[in-house]
Amino acid sequence: MGTFWMDRLVKDLPVGVDRLRQDRILEEALASGADPLHLAHVFSLGAKASLRYTSAVSPSDAEQAPNTPR
């Protein structure tokens, strides 16, 4: 399917094709356990891009640390 048809399909949506693709990649990152190699293969992403998506859905060290009183 070419961009002409994709643009016609999403013209009434509040977001564009690029945003839909980004959301789909983030959903796949969540579903696959944030595996950058999987994302790179499925979406033809480079190493840096796949790592950006996986880091966006991975909990940070601060979120993983238990709450302990000081």
Protein backbone atom coordinates (compact mmCIF):
# COMPACT_ATOMS: atom_id res chain seq x y z
CA MET A 1 0.00 0.00 0.00
CA GLY A 2 1.39 3.35 -0.99
CA THR A 3 1.42 6.60 0.93
CA PHE A 4 -1.42 7.98 -1.18
CA TRP A 5 -3.82 5.31 0.10
CA MET A 6 -2.51 5.47 3.67
CA ASP A 7 -3.02 9.23 3.71
CA ARG A 8 -6.60 8.78 2.48
CA LEU A 9 -7.30 6.16 5.15
CA VAL A 10 -6.12 8.32 8.04
CA LYS A 11 -7.16 11.77 6.81
CA ASP A 12 -10.07 11.96 9.26
CA LEU A 13 -8.01 10.82 12.26
CA PRO A 14 -6.55 13.37 14.69
CA VAL A 15 -3.03 11.97 14.14
CA GLY A 16 -0.92 11.16 11.13
CA VAL A 17 0.66 7.98 9.85
CA ASP A 18 3.97 8.70 11.59
CA ARG A 19 2.31 9.01 14.98
CA LEU A 20 0.38 5.79 14.43
CA ARG A 21 3.64 3.99 13.61
CA GLN A 22 5.35 5.37 16.71
CA ASP A 23 2.46 4.24 18.89
CA ARG A 24 2.55 0.78 17.30
CA ILE A 25 6.28 0.47 17.97
CA LEU A 26 5.78 1.48 21.61
CA GLU A 27 2.99 -1.08 22.00
CA GLU A 28 5.21 -3.78 20.52
CA ALA A 29 8.05 -2.76 22.84
CA LEU A 30 5.73 -3.24 25.81
CA ALA A 31 4.44 -6.57 24.52
CA SER A 32 7.88 -7.96 23.68
CA GLY A 33 9.49 -7.10 26.99
CA ALA A 34 11.42 -4.15 25.56
CA ASP A 35 13.66 -6.26 23.33
CA PRO A 36 15.58 -3.87 21.06
CA LEU A 37 16.64 -6.62 18.66
CA HIS A 38 13.02 -7.65 18.15
CA LEU A 39 11.96 -4.07 17.45
CA ALA A 40 14.83 -3.53 15.04
CA HIS A 41 13.88 -6.65 13.11
CA VAL A 42 10.10 -6.15 13.03
CA PHE A 43 10.11 -2.43 12.21
CA SER A 44 13.41 -2.12 10.30
CA LEU A 45 14.84 0.22 12.92
CA GLY A 46 18.47 1.04 13.54
CA ALA A 47 20.18 0.25 16.82
CA LYS A 48 19.80 3.74 18.29
CA ALA A 49 16.12 4.02 17.39
CA SER A 50 15.23 0.60 18.81
CA LEU A 51 17.09 1.44 22.04
CA ARG A 52 15.20 4.74 22.34
CA TYR A 53 11.88 2.90 22.11
CA THR A 54 12.89 0.25 24.62
CA SER A 55 14.20 2.82 27.08
CA ALA A 56 10.92 4.71 26.77
CA VAL A 57 8.94 1.70 28.00
CA SER A 58 11.48 0.28 30.48
CA PRO A 59 11.16 1.32 34.11
CA SER A 60 14.01 3.47 35.33
CA ASP A 61 16.29 2.46 38.21
CA ALA A 62 14.46 4.89 40.50
CA GLU A 63 11.13 3.24 39.70
CA GLN A 64 12.51 -0.23 40.39
CA ALA A 65 14.10 0.63 43.74
CA PRO A 66 12.01 -0.26 46.76
CA ASN A 67 10.78 2.59 48.92
CA THR A 68 12.91 2.50 52.04
CA PRO A 69 12.99 5.17 54.73
CA ARG A 70 16.28 6.96 55.13
